[in-house]
């Protein structure tokens, strides 16, 4: 059986000789455990990559520039990279128009929402480097349970939900923690399931969210 090939978006950092690409090895490890094969994005034509790869994982990282959702910068805590925003928007639309599955994690859920016409809250308190419970709608509860405890490493969050998406999980303070597309195979989660996949990583004792990666691989 051939493993589906999943393209994983990457962060950018300046190197001594050129811009470097970086990403957590946990994404690839989780995809491998879920029956897929992860490949890291290092630039290139989005349409060509979408034609060759079976699915897209929009990974965690810095913040999306508020101009992408019609706002001015209102928080000094933003860490933005407009080039990554542009790259990921091109990748998203290339995979989306082909009907291929897309999983957004942390920054990735925010990107999915913005690219489909939603907005973000530029800064919220109480969600950085912590764990908390979320309440899940039935479709997501089938993957991770109705009220799981999840990790939290973000300070931006989903604001107005894009018209073609609907909220699928909420934190106790009402923050949207997951999104599902109304008809396309698109899922976004605000937490980091790759850090809740023992024995690879176990931020939350006893929690296993490898099913999120299986969701992506099974739809390829």
N, C-alpha and C. Protein backbone atom coordinates (compact mmCIF):
# COMPACT_ATOMS: atom_id res chain seq x y z
N UNK A 1 0.84 -1.19 0.00
CA UNK A 1 0.00 0.00 0.00
C UNK A 1 0.88 1.24 0.00
N UNK A 2 0.54 2.22 -0.84
CA UNK A 2 1.31 3.45 -0.91
C UNK A 2 0.84 4.44 0.14
N UNK A 3 1.79 5.00 0.89
CA UNK A 3 1.44 6.00 1.88
C UNK A 3 1.08 7.31 1.18
N UNK A 4 0.02 8.03 1.64
CA UNK A 4 -0.24 9.35 1.08
C UNK A 4 0.88 10.31 1.44
N UNK A 5 1.23 11.16 0.50
CA UNK A 5 2.30 12.13 0.71
C UNK A 5 1.68 13.46 1.16
N UNK A 6 2.07 13.90 2.35
CA UNK A 6 1.51 15.11 2.94
C UNK A 6 2.56 16.21 2.93
N UNK A 7 2.24 17.35 2.33
CA UNK A 7 3.14 18.49 2.34
C UNK A 7 2.96 19.26 3.64
N UNK A 8 4.06 19.52 4.35
CA UNK A 8 4.05 20.23 5.63
C UNK A 8 4.63 21.62 5.43
N UNK A 9 3.86 22.66 5.73
CA UNK A 9 4.39 24.02 5.58
C UNK A 9 5.47 24.26 6.62
N UNK A 10 6.36 25.21 6.32
CA UNK A 10 7.53 25.44 7.16
C UNK A 10 7.67 26.90 7.55
N UNK A 11 8.36 27.11 8.68
CA UNK A 11 8.73 28.46 9.10
C UNK A 11 10.01 28.86 8.39
N UNK A 12 10.30 30.16 8.39
CA UNK A 12 11.51 30.68 7.74
C UNK A 12 12.35 31.40 8.78
N UNK A 13 13.66 31.25 8.67
CA UNK A 13 14.60 31.94 9.56
C UNK A 13 15.84 32.31 8.76
N UNK A 14 16.41 33.46 9.08
CA UNK A 14 17.61 33.90 8.36
C UNK A 14 18.80 33.05 8.77
N UNK A 15 19.57 32.59 7.78
CA UNK A 15 20.79 31.85 8.03
C UNK A 15 22.00 32.67 7.58
N UNK A 16 23.19 32.15 7.83
CA UNK A 16 24.40 32.87 7.45
C UNK A 16 24.52 33.08 5.94
N UNK A 17 24.09 32.09 5.17
CA UNK A 17 24.23 32.16 3.72
C UNK A 17 22.90 32.34 3.00
N UNK A 18 21.79 31.92 3.63
CA UNK A 18 20.48 32.04 2.99
C UNK A 18 19.40 31.86 4.04
N UNK A 19 18.17 32.09 3.64
CA UNK A 19 17.04 31.81 4.53
C UNK A 19 16.95 30.31 4.75
N UNK A 20 16.74 29.90 5.99
CA UNK A 20 16.64 28.48 6.35
C UNK A 20 15.17 28.11 6.58
N UNK A 21 14.85 26.85 6.32
CA UNK A 21 13.52 26.30 6.61
C UNK A 21 13.61 25.42 7.84
N UNK A 22 12.59 25.51 8.69
CA UNK A 22 12.61 24.71 9.92
C UNK A 22 11.20 24.25 10.28
N UNK A 23 11.15 23.09 10.94
CA UNK A 23 9.88 22.55 11.38
C UNK A 23 10.12 21.45 12.40
N UNK A 24 9.17 21.22 13.27
CA UNK A 24 9.26 20.16 14.27
C UNK A 24 9.22 18.80 13.60
N UNK A 25 10.12 17.92 14.01
CA UNK A 25 10.13 16.55 13.48
C UNK A 25 8.91 15.76 13.92
N UNK A 26 8.18 16.25 14.92
CA UNK A 26 7.01 15.53 15.41
C UNK A 26 5.91 15.43 14.36
N UNK A 27 5.79 16.42 13.48
CA UNK A 27 4.77 16.35 12.44
C UNK A 27 4.99 15.13 11.55
N UNK A 28 6.21 14.98 11.07
CA UNK A 28 6.51 13.83 10.21
C UNK A 28 6.35 12.51 10.94
N UNK A 29 6.76 12.48 12.21
CA UNK A 29 6.64 11.24 12.99
C UNK A 29 5.18 10.86 13.18
N UNK A 30 4.34 11.85 13.46
CA UNK A 30 2.91 11.56 13.65
C UNK A 30 2.26 11.12 12.35
N UNK A 31 2.60 11.76 11.25
CA UNK A 31 2.04 11.34 9.97
C UNK A 31 2.47 9.92 9.62
N UNK A 32 3.71 9.58 9.90
CA UNK A 32 4.19 8.22 9.66
C UNK A 32 3.41 7.22 10.50
N UNK A 33 3.18 7.55 11.76
CA UNK A 33 2.42 6.66 12.64
C UNK A 33 0.97 6.53 12.21
N UNK A 34 0.46 7.57 11.51
CA UNK A 34 -0.93 7.57 11.08
C UNK A 34 -1.13 7.00 9.69
N UNK A 35 -0.04 6.54 9.06
CA UNK A 35 -0.16 5.91 7.75
C UNK A 35 0.19 6.79 6.59
N UNK A 36 0.85 7.94 6.85
CA UNK A 36 1.23 8.84 5.78
C UNK A 36 2.72 9.06 5.74
N UNK A 37 3.14 9.93 4.84
CA UNK A 37 4.54 10.31 4.72
C UNK A 37 4.60 11.83 4.57
N UNK A 38 5.28 12.49 5.49
CA UNK A 38 5.38 13.94 5.46
C UNK A 38 6.59 14.42 4.70
N UNK A 39 6.42 15.48 3.91
CA UNK A 39 7.53 16.12 3.22
C UNK A 39 7.47 17.61 3.53
N UNK A 40 8.63 18.22 3.78
CA UNK A 40 8.69 19.62 4.18
C UNK A 40 8.70 20.54 2.97
N UNK A 41 7.90 21.58 3.03
CA UNK A 41 7.89 22.60 2.00
C UNK A 41 9.17 23.42 2.08
N UNK A 42 9.82 23.62 0.93
CA UNK A 42 11.04 24.43 0.90
C UNK A 42 10.99 25.46 -0.23
N UNK A 43 9.77 25.80 -0.65
CA UNK A 43 9.58 26.72 -1.75
C UNK A 43 9.12 25.98 -2.99
N UNK A 44 8.77 26.73 -4.02
CA UNK A 44 8.34 26.11 -5.26
C UNK A 44 6.91 26.45 -5.61
N UNK A 45 6.51 26.03 -6.77
CA UNK A 45 5.20 26.35 -7.32
C UNK A 45 4.09 25.60 -6.57
N UNK A 46 3.13 26.35 -6.04
CA UNK A 46 2.07 25.75 -5.23
C UNK A 46 1.21 24.79 -6.03
N UNK A 47 0.89 25.14 -7.27
CA UNK A 47 0.04 24.27 -8.09
C UNK A 47 0.74 22.96 -8.41
N UNK A 48 2.02 23.02 -8.71
CA UNK A 48 2.78 21.79 -8.99
C UNK A 48 2.82 20.89 -7.76
N UNK A 49 3.06 21.49 -6.59
CA UNK A 49 3.12 20.71 -5.35
C UNK A 49 1.76 20.10 -5.02
N UNK A 50 0.70 20.87 -5.24
CA UNK A 50 -0.64 20.34 -4.96
C UNK A 50 -1.01 19.22 -5.90
N UNK A 51 -0.48 19.27 -7.12
CA UNK A 51 -0.75 18.19 -8.07
C UNK A 51 -0.03 16.90 -7.68
N UNK A 52 1.14 17.04 -7.05
CA UNK A 52 1.97 15.87 -6.73
C UNK A 52 1.67 15.29 -5.35
N UNK A 53 1.28 16.15 -4.40
CA UNK A 53 1.06 15.70 -3.02
C UNK A 53 -0.42 15.41 -2.78
N UNK A 54 -0.69 14.57 -1.80
CA UNK A 54 -2.06 14.11 -1.54
C UNK A 54 -2.81 14.94 -0.52
N UNK A 55 -2.10 15.67 0.33
CA UNK A 55 -2.74 16.47 1.36
C UNK A 55 -1.79 17.54 1.85
N UNK A 56 -2.33 18.48 2.63
CA UNK A 56 -1.56 19.62 3.11
C UNK A 56 -1.73 19.75 4.62
N UNK A 57 -0.61 19.94 5.33
CA UNK A 57 -0.63 20.24 6.75
C UNK A 57 -0.07 21.64 6.94
N UNK A 58 -0.93 22.58 7.34
CA UNK A 58 -0.49 23.93 7.67
C UNK A 58 -0.08 23.93 9.13
N UNK A 59 1.19 24.12 9.37
CA UNK A 59 1.78 23.87 10.69
C UNK A 59 1.70 25.09 11.60
N UNK A 60 2.16 24.90 12.83
CA UNK A 60 2.21 25.98 13.80
C UNK A 60 3.36 26.94 13.51
N UNK A 61 3.37 28.05 14.25
CA UNK A 61 4.43 29.02 14.04
C UNK A 61 4.01 30.41 14.48
N UNK A 62 4.54 31.42 13.79
CA UNK A 62 4.28 32.81 14.16
C UNK A 62 2.88 33.27 13.77
N UNK A 63 2.72 34.58 13.75
CA UNK A 63 1.40 35.19 13.57
C UNK A 63 1.16 35.62 12.13
N UNK A 64 -0.10 35.63 11.74
CA UNK A 64 -0.51 36.09 10.42
C UNK A 64 -0.66 37.60 10.45
N UNK A 65 -0.17 38.27 9.41
CA UNK A 65 -0.25 39.72 9.36
C UNK A 65 -1.71 40.16 9.35
N UNK A 66 -2.10 41.09 10.22
CA UNK A 66 -3.51 41.53 10.28
C UNK A 66 -4.05 42.08 8.96
N UNK A 67 -3.18 42.57 8.09
CA UNK A 67 -3.66 43.06 6.79
C UNK A 67 -4.35 41.96 6.01
N UNK A 68 -4.01 40.69 6.28
CA UNK A 68 -4.64 39.57 5.58
C UNK A 68 -6.11 39.45 5.92
N UNK A 69 -6.51 39.97 7.08
CA UNK A 69 -7.93 39.91 7.44
C UNK A 69 -8.50 41.31 7.69
N UNK A 70 -7.95 42.30 6.98
CA UNK A 70 -8.53 43.64 6.95
C UNK A 70 -8.34 44.48 8.18
N UNK A 71 -7.28 44.23 8.96
CA UNK A 71 -7.03 45.00 10.17
C UNK A 71 -5.64 45.59 10.16
N UNK A 72 -5.44 46.63 10.97
CA UNK A 72 -4.11 47.17 11.22
C UNK A 72 -3.49 46.43 12.39
N UNK A 73 -2.17 46.50 12.50
CA UNK A 73 -1.49 45.88 13.64
C UNK A 73 -1.91 46.58 14.92
N UNK A 74 -2.44 45.80 15.87
CA UNK A 74 -2.93 46.37 17.12
C UNK A 74 -2.26 45.75 18.34
N UNK A 75 -1.30 44.84 18.13
CA UNK A 75 -0.62 44.20 19.24
C UNK A 75 0.88 44.20 18.98
N UNK A 76 1.66 44.63 19.98
CA UNK A 76 3.12 44.63 19.85
C UNK A 76 3.70 43.22 19.97
N UNK A 77 2.86 42.23 20.29
CA UNK A 77 3.34 40.87 20.49
C UNK A 77 3.34 40.04 19.21
N UNK A 78 2.93 40.62 18.11
CA UNK A 78 2.87 39.86 16.87
C UNK A 78 4.26 39.53 16.35
N UNK A 79 4.41 38.30 15.86
CA UNK A 79 5.63 37.86 15.19
C UNK A 79 5.24 37.44 13.78
N UNK A 80 5.44 38.32 12.81
CA UNK A 80 4.86 38.13 11.49
C UNK A 80 5.92 37.91 10.42
N UNK A 81 5.54 37.18 9.39
CA UNK A 81 6.38 36.93 8.22
C UNK A 81 5.45 36.96 7.01
N UNK A 82 5.32 38.13 6.36
CA UNK A 82 4.39 38.24 5.23
C UNK A 82 4.68 37.27 4.10
N UNK A 83 5.94 36.88 3.92
CA UNK A 83 6.26 35.94 2.85
C UNK A 83 5.68 34.56 3.17
N UNK A 84 5.80 34.12 4.43
CA UNK A 84 5.17 32.85 4.79
C UNK A 84 3.66 32.92 4.61
N UNK A 85 3.05 34.05 4.98
CA UNK A 85 1.61 34.21 4.76
C UNK A 85 1.26 34.01 3.29
N UNK A 86 2.04 34.61 2.40
CA UNK A 86 1.78 34.52 0.97
C UNK A 86 1.97 33.09 0.47
N UNK A 87 3.04 32.44 0.92
CA UNK A 87 3.30 31.06 0.51
C UNK A 87 2.16 30.15 0.93
N UNK A 88 1.74 30.26 2.19
CA UNK A 88 0.72 29.36 2.70
C UNK A 88 -0.64 29.63 2.07
N UNK A 89 -0.93 30.88 1.76
CA UNK A 89 -2.20 31.16 1.08
C UNK A 89 -2.21 30.52 -0.30
N UNK A 90 -1.10 30.60 -1.02
CA UNK A 90 -1.03 29.96 -2.33
C UNK A 90 -1.17 28.44 -2.21
N UNK A 91 -0.50 27.85 -1.23
CA UNK A 91 -0.61 26.41 -1.02
C UNK A 91 -2.04 26.02 -0.66
N UNK A 92 -2.64 26.77 0.25
CA UNK A 92 -4.01 26.46 0.67
C UNK A 92 -4.95 26.43 -0.53
N UNK A 93 -4.92 27.46 -1.34
CA UNK A 93 -5.86 27.54 -2.45
C UNK A 93 -5.56 26.49 -3.52
N UNK A 94 -4.29 26.14 -3.70
CA UNK A 94 -3.95 25.10 -4.67
C UNK A 94 -4.51 23.74 -4.26
N UNK A 95 -4.40 23.41 -2.97
CA UNK A 95 -4.94 22.14 -2.49
C UNK A 95 -6.47 22.21 -2.40
N UNK A 96 -7.00 23.34 -1.95
CA UNK A 96 -8.44 23.50 -1.77
C UNK A 96 -9.18 23.36 -3.09
N UNK A 97 -8.67 24.00 -4.14
CA UNK A 97 -9.36 23.94 -5.43
C UNK A 97 -9.32 22.54 -6.03
N UNK A 98 -8.37 21.72 -5.60
CA UNK A 98 -8.31 20.33 -6.06
C UNK A 98 -9.11 19.39 -5.17
N UNK A 99 -9.71 19.90 -4.12
CA UNK A 99 -10.50 19.06 -3.22
C UNK A 99 -9.67 18.16 -2.34
N UNK A 100 -8.39 18.49 -2.18
CA UNK A 100 -7.51 17.65 -1.36
C UNK A 100 -7.58 18.05 0.10
N UNK A 101 -7.40 17.10 1.03
CA UNK A 101 -7.59 17.39 2.46
C UNK A 101 -6.53 18.31 3.02
N UNK A 102 -6.96 19.14 3.95
CA UNK A 102 -6.08 20.12 4.59
C UNK A 102 -6.30 20.06 6.10
N UNK A 103 -5.20 19.98 6.83
CA UNK A 103 -5.22 20.03 8.29
C UNK A 103 -4.44 21.26 8.74
N UNK A 104 -5.05 22.10 9.57
CA UNK A 104 -4.37 23.27 10.12
C UNK A 104 -4.15 23.09 11.61
N UNK A 105 -2.92 23.32 12.06
CA UNK A 105 -2.57 23.17 13.47
C UNK A 105 -2.07 24.50 14.02
N UNK A 106 -2.65 24.96 15.10
CA UNK A 106 -2.29 26.21 15.80
C UNK A 106 -2.33 27.39 14.82
N UNK A 107 -1.20 27.91 14.37
CA UNK A 107 -1.22 28.93 13.33
C UNK A 107 -2.05 28.46 12.14
N UNK A 108 -2.00 27.16 11.87
CA UNK A 108 -2.68 26.62 10.71
C UNK A 108 -4.19 26.79 10.74
N UNK A 109 -4.83 26.65 11.92
CA UNK A 109 -6.28 26.87 11.98
C UNK A 109 -6.59 28.32 11.71
N UNK A 110 -5.72 29.22 12.20
CA UNK A 110 -5.92 30.64 11.97
C UNK A 110 -5.76 30.97 10.49
N UNK A 111 -4.78 30.33 9.84
CA UNK A 111 -4.58 30.54 8.41
C UNK A 111 -5.79 30.08 7.61
N UNK A 112 -6.30 28.89 7.91
CA UNK A 112 -7.48 28.38 7.22
C UNK A 112 -8.63 29.37 7.33
N UNK A 113 -8.86 29.87 8.53
CA UNK A 113 -9.97 30.80 8.74
C UNK A 113 -9.77 32.09 7.94
N UNK A 114 -8.57 32.63 7.98
CA UNK A 114 -8.29 33.88 7.26
C UNK A 114 -8.38 33.68 5.76
N UNK A 115 -7.82 32.59 5.24
CA UNK A 115 -7.80 32.37 3.79
C UNK A 115 -9.20 32.15 3.22
N UNK A 116 -10.15 31.77 4.07
CA UNK A 116 -11.53 31.58 3.62
C UNK A 116 -12.43 32.77 3.98
N UNK A 117 -11.83 33.84 4.49
CA UNK A 117 -12.60 35.07 4.71
C UNK A 117 -12.94 35.40 6.14
N UNK A 118 -12.38 34.67 7.12
CA UNK A 118 -12.61 34.98 8.52
C UNK A 118 -11.59 35.96 9.07
N UNK A 119 -11.69 36.25 10.36
CA UNK A 119 -10.77 37.18 11.01
C UNK A 119 -10.14 36.51 12.23
N UNK A 120 -9.16 37.21 12.82
CA UNK A 120 -8.51 36.73 14.03
C UNK A 120 -8.60 37.77 15.13
N UNK A 121 -8.52 37.29 16.36
CA UNK A 121 -8.29 38.15 17.52
C UNK A 121 -6.77 38.25 17.66
N UNK A 122 -6.23 39.45 17.61
CA UNK A 122 -4.79 39.61 17.53
C UNK A 122 -4.06 39.23 18.80
N UNK A 123 -4.71 39.32 19.95
CA UNK A 123 -4.06 38.88 21.19
C UNK A 123 -5.11 38.52 22.22
N UNK A 124 -4.92 37.37 22.84
CA UNK A 124 -5.76 36.96 23.98
C UNK A 124 -4.85 36.51 25.11
N UNK A 125 -5.34 36.61 26.32
CA UNK A 125 -4.58 36.18 27.48
C UNK A 125 -4.98 34.77 27.89
N UNK A 126 -4.07 34.11 28.60
CA UNK A 126 -4.40 32.85 29.25
C UNK A 126 -4.28 31.60 28.40
N UNK A 127 -3.70 31.71 27.19
CA UNK A 127 -3.61 30.54 26.32
C UNK A 127 -2.17 30.19 25.96
N UNK A 128 -1.19 30.80 26.59
CA UNK A 128 0.19 30.53 26.26
C UNK A 128 0.83 29.53 27.20
N UNK A 129 1.38 28.45 26.63
CA UNK A 129 2.11 27.43 27.39
C UNK A 129 1.33 26.95 28.61
N UNK A 130 0.15 26.43 28.34
CA UNK A 130 -0.72 25.93 29.40
C UNK A 130 -1.52 24.75 28.86
N UNK A 131 -2.35 24.16 29.69
CA UNK A 131 -3.28 23.13 29.26
C UNK A 131 -4.66 23.49 29.79
N UNK A 132 -5.69 23.16 29.02
CA UNK A 132 -7.06 23.47 29.45
C UNK A 132 -8.03 22.54 28.74
N UNK A 133 -9.23 22.47 29.24
CA UNK A 133 -10.26 21.63 28.63
C UNK A 133 -10.93 22.37 27.47
N UNK A 134 -11.40 21.61 26.51
CA UNK A 134 -12.23 22.14 25.44
C UNK A 134 -13.49 21.29 25.31
N UNK A 135 -14.52 21.91 24.80
CA UNK A 135 -15.78 21.21 24.53
C UNK A 135 -15.89 21.02 23.03
N UNK A 136 -16.07 19.75 22.59
CA UNK A 136 -16.05 19.43 21.17
C UNK A 136 -17.44 19.09 20.65
N UNK A 137 -17.73 19.56 19.44
CA UNK A 137 -18.94 19.16 18.73
C UNK A 137 -18.81 17.69 18.33
N UNK A 138 -19.94 17.03 18.04
CA UNK A 138 -19.90 15.58 17.82
C UNK A 138 -18.92 15.10 16.76
N UNK A 139 -18.81 15.79 15.61
CA UNK A 139 -17.91 15.31 14.55
C UNK A 139 -16.46 15.27 15.02
N UNK A 140 -16.06 16.26 15.81
CA UNK A 140 -14.69 16.27 16.33
C UNK A 140 -14.55 15.35 17.53
N UNK A 141 -15.60 15.27 18.34
CA UNK A 141 -15.57 14.39 19.52
C UNK A 141 -15.31 12.94 19.12
N UNK A 142 -15.72 12.57 17.92
CA UNK A 142 -15.47 11.21 17.46
C UNK A 142 -13.98 10.93 17.31
N UNK A 143 -13.17 12.00 17.16
CA UNK A 143 -11.72 11.84 17.03
C UNK A 143 -11.00 11.97 18.37
N UNK A 144 -11.39 12.96 19.17
CA UNK A 144 -10.58 13.29 20.36
C UNK A 144 -11.37 13.26 21.66
N UNK A 145 -12.66 12.92 21.62
CA UNK A 145 -13.47 12.91 22.82
C UNK A 145 -14.28 14.19 22.95
N UNK A 146 -15.28 14.15 23.81
CA UNK A 146 -16.21 15.28 23.95
C UNK A 146 -15.63 16.44 24.74
N UNK A 147 -14.74 16.17 25.69
CA UNK A 147 -14.21 17.23 26.55
C UNK A 147 -12.75 16.95 26.90
N UNK A 148 -11.87 16.91 25.90
CA UNK A 148 -10.46 16.60 26.17
C UNK A 148 -9.72 17.78 26.80
N UNK A 149 -8.66 17.46 27.51
CA UNK A 149 -7.71 18.48 27.93
C UNK A 149 -6.65 18.58 26.85
N UNK A 150 -6.35 19.82 26.42
CA UNK A 150 -5.41 20.03 25.33
C UNK A 150 -4.31 21.00 25.77
N UNK A 151 -3.20 20.98 25.04
CA UNK A 151 -2.14 21.95 25.29
C UNK A 151 -2.50 23.27 24.62
N UNK A 152 -1.76 24.32 24.93
CA UNK A 152 -2.09 25.65 24.40
C UNK A 152 -0.82 26.47 24.31
N UNK A 153 -0.48 26.89 23.07
CA UNK A 153 0.75 27.65 22.84
C UNK A 153 0.51 28.87 21.95
N UNK A 154 -0.64 29.49 22.07
CA UNK A 154 -0.97 30.57 21.13
C UNK A 154 -1.39 31.84 21.87
N UNK A 155 -1.30 32.96 21.17
CA UNK A 155 -1.83 34.20 21.73
C UNK A 155 -2.77 34.90 20.76
N UNK A 156 -2.78 34.47 19.48
CA UNK A 156 -3.84 34.86 18.56
C UNK A 156 -4.89 33.76 18.57
N UNK A 157 -6.09 34.10 18.08
CA UNK A 157 -7.17 33.11 18.05
C UNK A 157 -8.16 33.47 16.96
N UNK A 158 -8.99 32.50 16.60
CA UNK A 158 -10.05 32.73 15.62
C UNK A 158 -10.98 33.81 16.14
N UNK A 159 -11.32 34.76 15.25
CA UNK A 159 -12.30 35.79 15.57
C UNK A 159 -13.62 35.44 14.91
N UNK A 160 -14.00 36.21 13.88
CA UNK A 160 -15.19 35.87 13.09
C UNK A 160 -14.88 34.64 12.24
N UNK A 161 -15.73 33.63 12.35
CA UNK A 161 -15.52 32.38 11.60
C UNK A 161 -15.90 32.60 10.14
N UNK A 162 -15.07 32.11 9.23
CA UNK A 162 -15.31 32.24 7.79
C UNK A 162 -16.66 31.62 7.41
N UNK A 163 -17.33 32.16 6.40
CA UNK A 163 -18.68 31.69 6.05
C UNK A 163 -18.79 30.19 5.76
N UNK A 164 -17.76 29.57 5.18
CA UNK A 164 -17.84 28.15 4.82
C UNK A 164 -17.36 27.22 5.92
N UNK A 165 -16.99 27.78 7.06
CA UNK A 165 -16.51 26.99 8.19
C UNK A 165 -17.51 27.06 9.34
N UNK A 166 -17.37 26.11 10.27
CA UNK A 166 -18.14 26.20 11.51
C UNK A 166 -17.27 25.75 12.67
N UNK A 167 -17.49 26.35 13.82
CA UNK A 167 -16.72 26.01 15.01
C UNK A 167 -17.04 24.59 15.44
N UNK A 168 -15.99 23.86 15.87
CA UNK A 168 -16.17 22.47 16.29
C UNK A 168 -15.65 22.21 17.69
N UNK A 169 -15.02 23.21 18.32
CA UNK A 169 -14.57 23.07 19.71
C UNK A 169 -14.38 24.46 20.29
N UNK A 170 -14.58 24.56 21.61
CA UNK A 170 -14.49 25.83 22.31
C UNK A 170 -13.78 25.63 23.64
N UNK A 171 -12.93 26.60 24.00
CA UNK A 171 -12.34 26.61 25.34
C UNK A 171 -13.39 27.10 26.33
N UNK A 172 -13.07 26.97 27.61
CA UNK A 172 -14.02 27.37 28.64
C UNK A 172 -14.31 28.86 28.61
N UNK A 173 -13.39 29.67 28.06
CA UNK A 173 -13.63 31.11 27.96
C UNK A 173 -14.32 31.49 26.65
N UNK A 174 -14.73 30.50 25.86
CA UNK A 174 -15.44 30.75 24.63
C UNK A 174 -14.58 30.83 23.39
N UNK A 175 -13.25 30.80 23.54
CA UNK A 175 -12.35 30.85 22.39
C UNK A 175 -12.59 29.65 21.48
N UNK A 176 -12.70 29.90 20.18
CA UNK A 176 -12.86 28.82 19.20
C UNK A 176 -11.56 28.03 19.13
N UNK A 177 -11.65 26.72 19.31
CA UNK A 177 -10.47 25.86 19.36
C UNK A 177 -10.39 24.87 18.20
N UNK A 178 -11.42 24.79 17.38
CA UNK A 178 -11.38 23.91 16.20
C UNK A 178 -12.40 24.39 15.19
N UNK A 179 -12.09 24.13 13.91
CA UNK A 179 -12.97 24.48 12.81
C UNK A 179 -13.08 23.31 11.85
N UNK A 180 -14.25 23.13 11.28
CA UNK A 180 -14.48 22.17 10.20
C UNK A 180 -15.14 22.87 9.04
N UNK A 181 -14.79 22.46 7.82
CA UNK A 181 -15.44 23.02 6.64
C UNK A 181 -16.80 22.37 6.46
N UNK A 182 -17.74 23.13 5.92
CA UNK A 182 -19.10 22.61 5.75
C UNK A 182 -19.17 21.44 4.77
N UNK A 183 -18.28 21.41 3.77
CA UNK A 183 -18.36 20.35 2.76
C UNK A 183 -17.00 19.79 2.35
N UNK A 184 -15.95 20.58 2.40
CA UNK A 184 -14.62 20.13 1.98
C UNK A 184 -13.89 19.42 3.13
N UNK A 185 -12.90 18.58 2.82
CA UNK A 185 -12.13 17.88 3.86
C UNK A 185 -11.08 18.81 4.48
N UNK A 186 -11.54 19.73 5.32
CA UNK A 186 -10.67 20.70 5.97
C UNK A 186 -10.98 20.71 7.47
N UNK A 187 -9.93 20.54 8.28
CA UNK A 187 -10.03 20.55 9.73
C UNK A 187 -8.92 21.43 10.28
N UNK A 188 -9.25 22.25 11.26
CA UNK A 188 -8.24 23.03 11.96
C UNK A 188 -8.40 22.88 13.46
N UNK A 189 -7.29 22.71 14.17
CA UNK A 189 -7.32 22.66 15.63
C UNK A 189 -6.32 23.66 16.18
N UNK A 190 -6.69 24.33 17.27
CA UNK A 190 -5.83 25.36 17.83
C UNK A 190 -4.70 24.77 18.68
N UNK A 191 -4.89 23.57 19.18
CA UNK A 191 -3.84 22.94 19.99
C UNK A 191 -2.85 22.20 19.09
N UNK A 192 -1.86 21.58 19.72
CA UNK A 192 -0.80 20.86 18.98
C UNK A 192 -0.96 19.36 19.20
N UNK A 193 -1.68 18.65 18.33
CA UNK A 193 -1.86 17.20 18.51
C UNK A 193 -0.56 16.43 18.37
N UNK A 194 0.44 16.98 17.66
CA UNK A 194 1.72 16.27 17.54
C UNK A 194 2.46 16.21 18.87
N UNK A 195 2.05 17.04 19.82
CA UNK A 195 2.63 17.01 21.15
C UNK A 195 1.72 16.25 22.13
N UNK A 196 0.73 15.56 21.57
CA UNK A 196 -0.18 14.73 22.36
C UNK A 196 -0.29 13.38 21.67
N UNK A 197 0.85 12.78 21.39
CA UNK A 197 0.91 11.52 20.64
C UNK A 197 1.98 10.62 21.24
N UNK A 198 1.70 10.00 22.40
CA UNK A 198 2.69 9.12 23.02
C UNK A 198 2.96 7.90 22.12
N UNK A 199 4.18 7.38 22.12
CA UNK A 199 5.31 7.76 22.97
C UNK A 199 6.16 8.89 22.40
N UNK A 200 5.74 9.49 21.30
CA UNK A 200 6.54 10.55 20.68
C UNK A 200 6.63 11.78 21.58
N UNK A 201 5.49 12.21 22.11
CA UNK A 201 5.43 13.39 22.97
C UNK A 201 4.12 13.33 23.74
N UNK A 202 4.13 13.78 24.99
CA UNK A 202 2.96 13.64 25.84
C UNK A 202 2.82 14.87 26.73
N UNK A 203 2.37 15.97 26.12
CA UNK A 203 2.12 17.19 26.90
C UNK A 203 1.03 16.99 27.95
N UNK A 204 0.02 16.18 27.58
CA UNK A 204 -1.11 15.92 28.47
C UNK A 204 -1.11 14.44 28.81
N UNK A 205 -0.92 14.12 30.07
CA UNK A 205 -0.81 12.72 30.49
C UNK A 205 -2.04 11.93 30.07
N UNK A 206 -1.80 10.82 29.39
CA UNK A 206 -2.88 9.92 29.00
C UNK A 206 -3.61 10.31 27.73
N UNK A 207 -3.31 11.47 27.16
CA UNK A 207 -4.02 11.92 25.96
C UNK A 207 -3.30 11.44 24.70
N UNK A 208 -4.06 11.05 23.70
CA UNK A 208 -3.49 10.61 22.43
C UNK A 208 -4.36 11.17 21.30
N UNK A 209 -3.81 12.13 20.56
CA UNK A 209 -4.56 12.78 19.48
C UNK A 209 -4.02 12.40 18.10
N UNK A 210 -3.42 11.21 18.00
CA UNK A 210 -2.94 10.74 16.71
C UNK A 210 -4.09 10.62 15.71
N UNK A 211 -5.31 10.48 16.21
CA UNK A 211 -6.48 10.36 15.33
C UNK A 211 -6.65 11.59 14.45
N UNK A 212 -6.15 12.75 14.89
CA UNK A 212 -6.23 13.95 14.06
C UNK A 212 -5.42 13.76 12.78
N UNK A 213 -4.25 13.13 12.91
CA UNK A 213 -3.40 12.87 11.74
C UNK A 213 -3.99 11.74 10.89
N UNK A 214 -4.62 10.77 11.52
CA UNK A 214 -5.28 9.72 10.75
C UNK A 214 -6.42 10.31 9.92
N UNK A 215 -7.14 11.28 10.50
CA UNK A 215 -8.20 11.96 9.77
C UNK A 215 -7.67 12.49 8.44
N UNK A 216 -6.49 13.13 8.47
CA UNK A 216 -5.90 13.69 7.26
C UNK A 216 -5.49 12.58 6.30
N UNK A 217 -4.78 11.59 6.78
CA UNK A 217 -4.26 10.53 5.90
C UNK A 217 -5.39 9.72 5.28
N UNK A 218 -6.44 9.46 6.02
CA UNK A 218 -7.53 8.63 5.51
C UNK A 218 -8.34 9.32 4.43
N UNK A 219 -8.24 10.65 4.34
CA UNK A 219 -8.99 11.40 3.32
C UNK A 219 -8.19 11.68 2.06
N UNK A 220 -6.95 11.21 2.05
CA UNK A 220 -6.12 11.40 0.86
C UNK A 220 -6.45 10.38 -0.23
